[in-house]
Amino acid sequence: MNRQDGFVVRADRWLRPWNLRLIQVPVWLAGTFVALLWSAPFLWMVSTSFKLPHEVMTVNVEWIPRHVTLDNYIKVFQYPVLRWAFNSLIVAVIATALCVVFGAMAGYALARLRFPGCCWGSSRSAGPIPIRR
């Protein structure tokens, strides 16, 4: 056994408690990088919410505010934000319920009723697929 094989065996043994193999590590590192990149705008938004107004629009990027303030949150809650959130919740619940009801009815019709072309399923990725009845 040469040195490289010994390294692979030791690395696989070290990664075993996490149910990983050495070949999977680059995939996990890439996924972690993408997840951090994806969360960056959210972190920037939260960081900016704690900044003073004159610190928001600067040339230099500052992830951590120099002076932390909660005044921005006080200003936001002077408006009826909770009512707006409740209105959005009502719209989302009604839209979801309607989608579920109409989707169930359409699914029942596609599964149980006979109509011209009913024996050919369709998928955008797979194309027409014959279905036996």
N, C-alpha and C. Protein backbone atom coordinates (compact mmCIF):
# COMPACT_ATOMS: atom_id res chain seq x y z
N MET A 1 0.84 -1.17 0.00
CA MET A 1 0.00 0.00 0.00
C MET A 1 0.89 1.24 0.00
N ASN A 2 0.63 2.18 -0.94
CA ASN A 2 1.47 3.37 -0.98
C ASN A 2 0.89 4.45 -0.05
N ARG A 3 1.57 5.60 -0.02
CA ARG A 3 1.19 6.66 0.93
C ARG A 3 -0.20 7.21 0.65
N GLN A 4 -0.54 7.38 -0.65
CA GLN A 4 -1.84 7.95 -0.98
C GLN A 4 -2.97 7.04 -0.53
N ASP A 5 -2.81 5.73 -0.72
CA ASP A 5 -3.84 4.80 -0.29
C ASP A 5 -4.01 4.86 1.22
N GLY A 6 -2.91 5.01 1.94
CA GLY A 6 -2.98 5.12 3.40
C GLY A 6 -3.74 6.36 3.82
N PHE A 7 -3.52 7.48 3.10
CA PHE A 7 -4.24 8.72 3.42
C PHE A 7 -5.73 8.55 3.19
N VAL A 8 -6.09 7.91 2.07
CA VAL A 8 -7.51 7.72 1.75
C VAL A 8 -8.17 6.85 2.81
N VAL A 9 -7.52 5.81 3.22
CA VAL A 9 -8.08 4.91 4.24
C VAL A 9 -8.24 5.65 5.56
N ARG A 10 -7.21 6.42 5.96
CA ARG A 10 -7.30 7.17 7.21
C ARG A 10 -8.40 8.23 7.14
N ALA A 11 -8.49 8.92 6.00
CA ALA A 11 -9.52 9.95 5.85
C ALA A 11 -10.91 9.34 5.88
N ASP A 12 -11.10 8.20 5.20
CA ASP A 12 -12.40 7.53 5.23
C ASP A 12 -12.75 7.08 6.65
N ARG A 13 -11.77 6.60 7.38
CA ARG A 13 -12.01 6.18 8.76
C ARG A 13 -12.38 7.37 9.62
N TRP A 14 -11.72 8.52 9.40
CA TRP A 14 -12.00 9.72 10.18
C TRP A 14 -13.39 10.28 9.85
N LEU A 15 -13.85 10.13 8.60
CA LEU A 15 -15.14 10.65 8.18
C LEU A 15 -16.29 9.68 8.46
N ARG A 16 -16.01 8.46 8.86
CA ARG A 16 -17.04 7.45 9.07
C ARG A 16 -18.10 7.86 10.08
N PRO A 17 -17.79 8.53 11.21
CA PRO A 17 -18.85 8.91 12.15
C PRO A 17 -19.91 9.83 11.53
N TRP A 18 -19.55 10.55 10.49
CA TRP A 18 -20.51 11.45 9.82
C TRP A 18 -21.13 10.78 8.58
N ASN A 19 -20.91 9.51 8.40
CA ASN A 19 -21.42 8.76 7.24
C ASN A 19 -20.99 9.41 5.93
N LEU A 20 -19.73 9.83 5.87
CA LEU A 20 -19.17 10.44 4.67
C LEU A 20 -17.99 9.62 4.16
N ARG A 21 -17.73 9.79 2.89
CA ARG A 21 -16.51 9.24 2.30
C ARG A 21 -15.70 10.41 1.77
N LEU A 22 -14.43 10.18 1.53
CA LEU A 22 -13.53 11.26 1.10
C LEU A 22 -14.00 11.88 -0.21
N ILE A 23 -14.58 11.08 -1.08
CA ILE A 23 -15.02 11.59 -2.37
C ILE A 23 -16.22 12.54 -2.24
N GLN A 24 -16.95 12.46 -1.12
CA GLN A 24 -18.12 13.31 -0.90
C GLN A 24 -17.76 14.68 -0.30
N VAL A 25 -16.58 14.81 0.24
CA VAL A 25 -16.18 16.04 0.92
C VAL A 25 -16.24 17.27 0.00
N PRO A 26 -15.72 17.21 -1.24
CA PRO A 26 -15.82 18.40 -2.10
C PRO A 26 -17.26 18.81 -2.39
N VAL A 27 -18.15 17.84 -2.51
CA VAL A 27 -19.57 18.15 -2.74
C VAL A 27 -20.14 18.89 -1.54
N TRP A 28 -19.83 18.41 -0.35
CA TRP A 28 -20.32 19.07 0.86
C TRP A 28 -19.71 20.46 1.03
N LEU A 29 -18.45 20.61 0.71
CA LEU A 29 -17.81 21.93 0.79
C LEU A 29 -18.46 22.90 -0.20
N ALA A 30 -18.71 22.44 -1.42
CA ALA A 30 -19.37 23.28 -2.42
C ALA A 30 -20.78 23.64 -1.96
N GLY A 31 -21.51 22.68 -1.40
CA GLY A 31 -22.85 22.96 -0.90
C GLY A 31 -22.84 23.95 0.24
N THR A 32 -21.88 23.83 1.13
CA THR A 32 -21.76 24.78 2.23
C THR A 32 -21.45 26.18 1.71
N PHE A 33 -20.56 26.27 0.73
CA PHE A 33 -20.23 27.56 0.13
C PHE A 33 -21.47 28.20 -0.51
N VAL A 34 -22.24 27.41 -1.25
CA VAL A 34 -23.45 27.92 -1.89
C VAL A 34 -24.46 28.37 -0.84
N ALA A 35 -24.60 27.60 0.25
CA ALA A 35 -25.53 27.97 1.32
C ALA A 35 -25.12 29.29 1.97
N LEU A 36 -23.83 29.48 2.21
CA LEU A 36 -23.36 30.74 2.78
C LEU A 36 -23.57 31.89 1.81
N LEU A 37 -23.31 31.64 0.54
CA LEU A 37 -23.53 32.66 -0.47
C LEU A 37 -25.00 33.02 -0.56
N TRP A 38 -25.85 32.03 -0.46
CA TRP A 38 -27.29 32.23 -0.53
C TRP A 38 -27.80 33.04 0.67
N SER A 39 -27.22 32.82 1.84
CA SER A 39 -27.68 33.51 3.04
C SER A 39 -27.09 34.91 3.18
N ALA A 40 -26.13 35.27 2.36
CA ALA A 40 -25.47 36.58 2.48
C ALA A 40 -26.45 37.75 2.36
N PRO A 41 -27.40 37.77 1.41
CA PRO A 41 -28.33 38.91 1.37
C PRO A 41 -29.17 39.04 2.63
N PHE A 42 -29.59 37.92 3.21
CA PHE A 42 -30.37 37.98 4.44
C PHE A 42 -29.52 38.55 5.58
N LEU A 43 -28.28 38.09 5.70
CA LEU A 43 -27.39 38.61 6.73
C LEU A 43 -27.13 40.10 6.53
N TRP A 44 -26.98 40.51 5.26
CA TRP A 44 -26.77 41.92 4.95
C TRP A 44 -28.00 42.74 5.36
N MET A 45 -29.20 42.21 5.10
CA MET A 45 -30.43 42.91 5.46
C MET A 45 -30.54 43.08 6.97
N VAL A 46 -30.25 42.02 7.72
CA VAL A 46 -30.32 42.10 9.17
C VAL A 46 -29.27 43.07 9.70
N SER A 47 -28.07 43.00 9.16
CA SER A 47 -27.01 43.91 9.58
C SER A 47 -27.38 45.37 9.30
N THR A 48 -27.94 45.61 8.13
CA THR A 48 -28.32 46.98 7.76
C THR A 48 -29.45 47.50 8.62
N SER A 49 -30.32 46.62 9.08
CA SER A 49 -31.45 47.07 9.91
C SER A 49 -30.99 47.63 11.24
N PHE A 50 -29.80 47.28 11.69
CA PHE A 50 -29.29 47.79 12.96
C PHE A 50 -28.38 49.00 12.79
N LYS A 51 -28.19 49.47 11.56
CA LYS A 51 -27.30 50.61 11.31
C LYS A 51 -28.05 51.93 11.43
N LEU A 52 -27.31 52.98 11.69
CA LEU A 52 -27.86 54.33 11.65
C LEU A 52 -28.07 54.74 10.19
N PRO A 53 -28.99 55.66 9.91
CA PRO A 53 -29.28 56.02 8.51
C PRO A 53 -28.05 56.47 7.72
N HIS A 54 -27.16 57.22 8.33
CA HIS A 54 -25.99 57.70 7.58
C HIS A 54 -24.96 56.59 7.35
N GLU A 55 -25.06 55.46 8.04
CA GLU A 55 -24.14 54.34 7.84
C GLU A 55 -24.62 53.36 6.77
N VAL A 56 -25.86 53.52 6.33
CA VAL A 56 -26.42 52.55 5.39
C VAL A 56 -25.82 52.75 4.00
N MET A 57 -25.82 53.96 3.50
CA MET A 57 -25.35 54.24 2.14
C MET A 57 -23.90 54.73 2.17
N THR A 58 -22.98 53.80 2.35
CA THR A 58 -21.56 54.15 2.34
C THR A 58 -20.86 53.41 1.20
N VAL A 59 -19.69 53.90 0.84
CA VAL A 59 -18.93 53.27 -0.23
C VAL A 59 -18.34 51.94 0.24
N ASN A 60 -17.85 51.91 1.46
CA ASN A 60 -17.23 50.70 2.00
C ASN A 60 -18.31 49.74 2.50
N VAL A 61 -18.09 48.47 2.28
CA VAL A 61 -19.02 47.44 2.75
C VAL A 61 -18.69 47.14 4.21
N GLU A 62 -19.67 47.31 5.08
CA GLU A 62 -19.50 47.02 6.50
C GLU A 62 -20.56 46.02 6.91
N TRP A 63 -20.16 44.79 7.19
CA TRP A 63 -21.10 43.75 7.57
C TRP A 63 -21.58 43.93 9.00
N ILE A 64 -20.71 44.45 9.85
CA ILE A 64 -21.06 44.66 11.26
C ILE A 64 -21.19 46.17 11.48
N PRO A 65 -22.35 46.63 11.96
CA PRO A 65 -22.54 48.07 12.15
C PRO A 65 -21.62 48.63 13.24
N ARG A 66 -21.17 49.85 13.02
CA ARG A 66 -20.31 50.50 14.02
C ARG A 66 -21.13 50.90 15.25
N HIS A 67 -22.31 51.45 15.00
CA HIS A 67 -23.21 51.87 16.07
C HIS A 67 -24.53 51.11 15.90
N VAL A 68 -24.85 50.29 16.87
CA VAL A 68 -26.08 49.49 16.81
C VAL A 68 -27.23 50.32 17.34
N THR A 69 -28.35 50.31 16.59
CA THR A 69 -29.53 51.06 17.01
C THR A 69 -30.79 50.26 16.72
N LEU A 70 -31.80 50.46 17.53
CA LEU A 70 -33.10 49.83 17.32
C LEU A 70 -34.13 50.84 16.82
N ASP A 71 -33.69 52.05 16.50
CA ASP A 71 -34.60 53.10 16.04
C ASP A 71 -35.33 52.70 14.76
N ASN A 72 -34.67 51.96 13.89
CA ASN A 72 -35.31 51.55 12.64
C ASN A 72 -36.52 50.66 12.91
N TYR A 73 -36.42 49.79 13.90
CA TYR A 73 -37.56 48.93 14.25
C TYR A 73 -38.68 49.75 14.90
N ILE A 74 -38.31 50.72 15.69
CA ILE A 74 -39.33 51.59 16.30
C ILE A 74 -40.08 52.35 15.23
N LYS A 75 -39.36 52.86 14.21
CA LYS A 75 -40.01 53.57 13.11
C LYS A 75 -40.93 52.66 12.31
N VAL A 76 -40.52 51.42 12.08
CA VAL A 76 -41.34 50.49 11.30
C VAL A 76 -42.65 50.19 12.02
N PHE A 77 -42.59 49.98 13.32
CA PHE A 77 -43.79 49.60 14.05
C PHE A 77 -44.69 50.79 14.38
N GLN A 78 -44.36 51.98 13.89
CA GLN A 78 -45.30 53.10 13.95
C GLN A 78 -46.37 52.96 12.88
N TYR A 79 -46.11 52.10 11.90
CA TYR A 79 -47.09 51.81 10.84
C TYR A 79 -47.83 50.52 11.22
N PRO A 80 -48.97 50.25 10.59
CA PRO A 80 -49.73 49.03 10.94
C PRO A 80 -49.13 47.76 10.31
N VAL A 81 -47.91 47.46 10.65
CA VAL A 81 -47.20 46.33 10.06
C VAL A 81 -47.86 45.00 10.42
N LEU A 82 -48.34 44.87 11.65
CA LEU A 82 -48.97 43.62 12.06
C LEU A 82 -50.26 43.39 11.28
N ARG A 83 -51.00 44.44 11.00
CA ARG A 83 -52.21 44.30 10.19
C ARG A 83 -51.85 43.87 8.77
N TRP A 84 -50.78 44.44 8.22
CA TRP A 84 -50.34 44.06 6.87
C TRP A 84 -49.93 42.58 6.85
N ALA A 85 -49.25 42.14 7.88
CA ALA A 85 -48.83 40.73 7.96
C ALA A 85 -50.05 39.82 8.06
N PHE A 86 -51.06 40.23 8.85
CA PHE A 86 -52.27 39.44 8.98
C PHE A 86 -53.02 39.38 7.66
N ASN A 87 -53.10 40.48 6.93
CA ASN A 87 -53.73 40.49 5.60
C ASN A 87 -53.00 39.55 4.65
N SER A 88 -51.69 39.56 4.67
CA SER A 88 -50.90 38.66 3.82
C SER A 88 -51.15 37.20 4.20
N LEU A 89 -51.28 36.93 5.49
CA LEU A 89 -51.56 35.57 5.94
C LEU A 89 -52.92 35.10 5.44
N ILE A 90 -53.91 35.97 5.49
CA ILE A 90 -55.25 35.62 5.01
C ILE A 90 -55.20 35.30 3.51
N VAL A 91 -54.56 36.13 2.73
CA VAL A 91 -54.45 35.90 1.29
C VAL A 91 -53.72 34.59 1.01
N ALA A 92 -52.63 34.32 1.71
CA ALA A 92 -51.86 33.10 1.49
C ALA A 92 -52.67 31.85 1.84
N VAL A 93 -53.41 31.89 2.95
CA VAL A 93 -54.21 30.73 3.36
C VAL A 93 -55.32 30.46 2.35
N ILE A 94 -56.02 31.51 1.92
CA ILE A 94 -57.11 31.34 0.96
C ILE A 94 -56.57 30.83 -0.38
N ALA A 95 -55.46 31.39 -0.86
CA ALA A 95 -54.88 30.96 -2.13
C ALA A 95 -54.43 29.50 -2.05
N THR A 96 -53.83 29.10 -0.94
CA THR A 96 -53.39 27.71 -0.78
C THR A 96 -54.59 26.77 -0.73
N ALA A 97 -55.63 27.15 0.00
CA ALA A 97 -56.82 26.30 0.09
C ALA A 97 -57.46 26.13 -1.28
N LEU A 98 -57.57 27.20 -2.05
CA LEU A 98 -58.15 27.11 -3.39
C LEU A 98 -57.31 26.22 -4.30
N CYS A 99 -56.00 26.34 -4.23
CA CYS A 99 -55.12 25.49 -5.05
C CYS A 99 -55.29 24.02 -4.68
N VAL A 100 -55.40 23.73 -3.39
CA VAL A 100 -55.56 22.34 -2.97
C VAL A 100 -56.90 21.80 -3.43
N VAL A 101 -57.98 22.57 -3.29
CA VAL A 101 -59.31 22.11 -3.68
C VAL A 101 -59.37 21.87 -5.18
N PHE A 102 -58.97 22.85 -5.98
CA PHE A 102 -59.04 22.69 -7.43
C PHE A 102 -58.04 21.64 -7.94
N GLY A 103 -56.89 21.53 -7.30
CA GLY A 103 -55.94 20.49 -7.68
C GLY A 103 -56.48 19.10 -7.38
N ALA A 104 -57.16 18.95 -6.25
CA ALA A 104 -57.76 17.66 -5.92
C ALA A 104 -58.85 17.30 -6.92
N MET A 105 -59.67 18.28 -7.28
CA MET A 105 -60.73 18.01 -8.26
C MET A 105 -60.13 17.64 -9.61
N ALA A 106 -59.12 18.34 -10.04
CA ALA A 106 -58.47 18.02 -11.32
C ALA A 106 -57.80 16.66 -11.26
N GLY A 107 -57.16 16.34 -10.16
CA GLY A 107 -56.54 15.03 -10.01
C GLY A 107 -57.55 13.91 -10.05
N TYR A 108 -58.69 14.11 -9.41
CA TYR A 108 -59.74 13.10 -9.45
C TYR A 108 -60.23 12.91 -10.88
N ALA A 109 -60.45 14.02 -11.59
CA ALA A 109 -60.94 13.93 -12.96
C ALA A 109 -59.93 13.21 -13.85
N LEU A 110 -58.66 13.51 -13.70
CA LEU A 110 -57.63 12.87 -14.52
C LEU A 110 -57.49 11.39 -14.19
N ALA A 111 -57.73 11.02 -12.93
CA ALA A 111 -57.54 9.64 -12.52
C ALA A 111 -58.75 8.76 -12.79
N ARG A 112 -59.96 9.30 -12.68
CA ARG A 112 -61.16 8.46 -12.73
C ARG A 112 -62.00 8.58 -13.99
N LEU A 113 -62.05 9.74 -14.59
CA LEU A 113 -62.97 9.95 -15.71
C LEU A 113 -62.29 9.63 -17.03
N ARG A 114 -63.09 9.17 -17.99
CA ARG A 114 -62.59 8.88 -19.35
C ARG A 114 -62.83 10.10 -20.23
N PHE A 115 -61.84 10.45 -21.00
CA PHE A 115 -61.94 11.56 -21.94
C PHE A 115 -60.97 11.29 -23.08
N PRO A 116 -61.15 11.94 -24.25
CA PRO A 116 -60.24 11.68 -25.39
C PRO A 116 -58.79 11.97 -25.00
N GLY A 117 -57.93 11.02 -25.26
CA GLY A 117 -56.51 11.17 -24.94
C GLY A 117 -56.19 10.83 -23.50
N CYS A 118 -57.15 10.20 -22.79
CA CYS A 118 -56.91 9.92 -21.37
C CYS A 118 -55.86 8.84 -21.15
N CYS A 119 -55.58 8.07 -22.15
CA CYS A 119 -54.62 6.97 -21.96
C CYS A 119 -53.18 7.42 -22.21
N TRP A 120 -52.96 8.68 -22.47
CA TRP A 120 -51.61 9.19 -22.68
C TRP A 120 -51.31 10.23 -21.62
N GLY A 121 -50.47 9.85 -20.66
CA GLY A 121 -50.02 10.82 -19.68
C GLY A 121 -49.06 11.78 -20.34
N SER A 122 -48.83 12.88 -19.74
CA SER A 122 -47.95 13.87 -20.35
C SER A 122 -47.05 14.47 -19.28
N SER A 123 -45.80 14.63 -19.63
CA SER A 123 -44.85 15.26 -18.75
C SER A 123 -43.93 16.13 -19.61
N ARG A 124 -43.63 17.30 -19.12
CA ARG A 124 -42.78 18.19 -19.92
C ARG A 124 -41.37 17.63 -20.08
N SER A 125 -40.91 16.88 -19.10
CA SER A 125 -39.54 16.37 -19.20
C SER A 125 -39.48 15.00 -19.86
N ALA A 126 -40.51 14.16 -19.68
CA ALA A 126 -40.44 12.80 -20.20
C ALA A 126 -41.23 12.62 -21.48
N GLY A 127 -42.11 13.55 -21.83
CA GLY A 127 -42.94 13.40 -23.02
C GLY A 127 -44.12 12.49 -22.75
N PRO A 128 -44.84 12.12 -23.79
CA PRO A 128 -46.03 11.27 -23.57
C PRO A 128 -45.65 9.87 -23.10
N ILE A 129 -46.38 9.41 -22.08
CA ILE A 129 -46.13 8.09 -21.51
C ILE A 129 -47.45 7.32 -21.56
N PRO A 130 -47.48 6.16 -22.19
CA PRO A 130 -48.74 5.40 -22.22
C PRO A 130 -49.10 4.89 -20.84
N ILE A 131 -50.39 4.99 -20.48
CA ILE A 131 -50.87 4.56 -19.18
C ILE A 131 -51.91 3.47 -19.42
N ARG A 132 -51.78 2.33 -18.75
CA ARG A 132 -52.76 1.24 -18.89
C ARG A 132 -53.93 1.48 -17.96
N ARG A 133 -55.08 1.07 -18.41
CA ARG A 133 -56.28 1.16 -17.58
C ARG A 133 -56.76 -0.21 -17.25
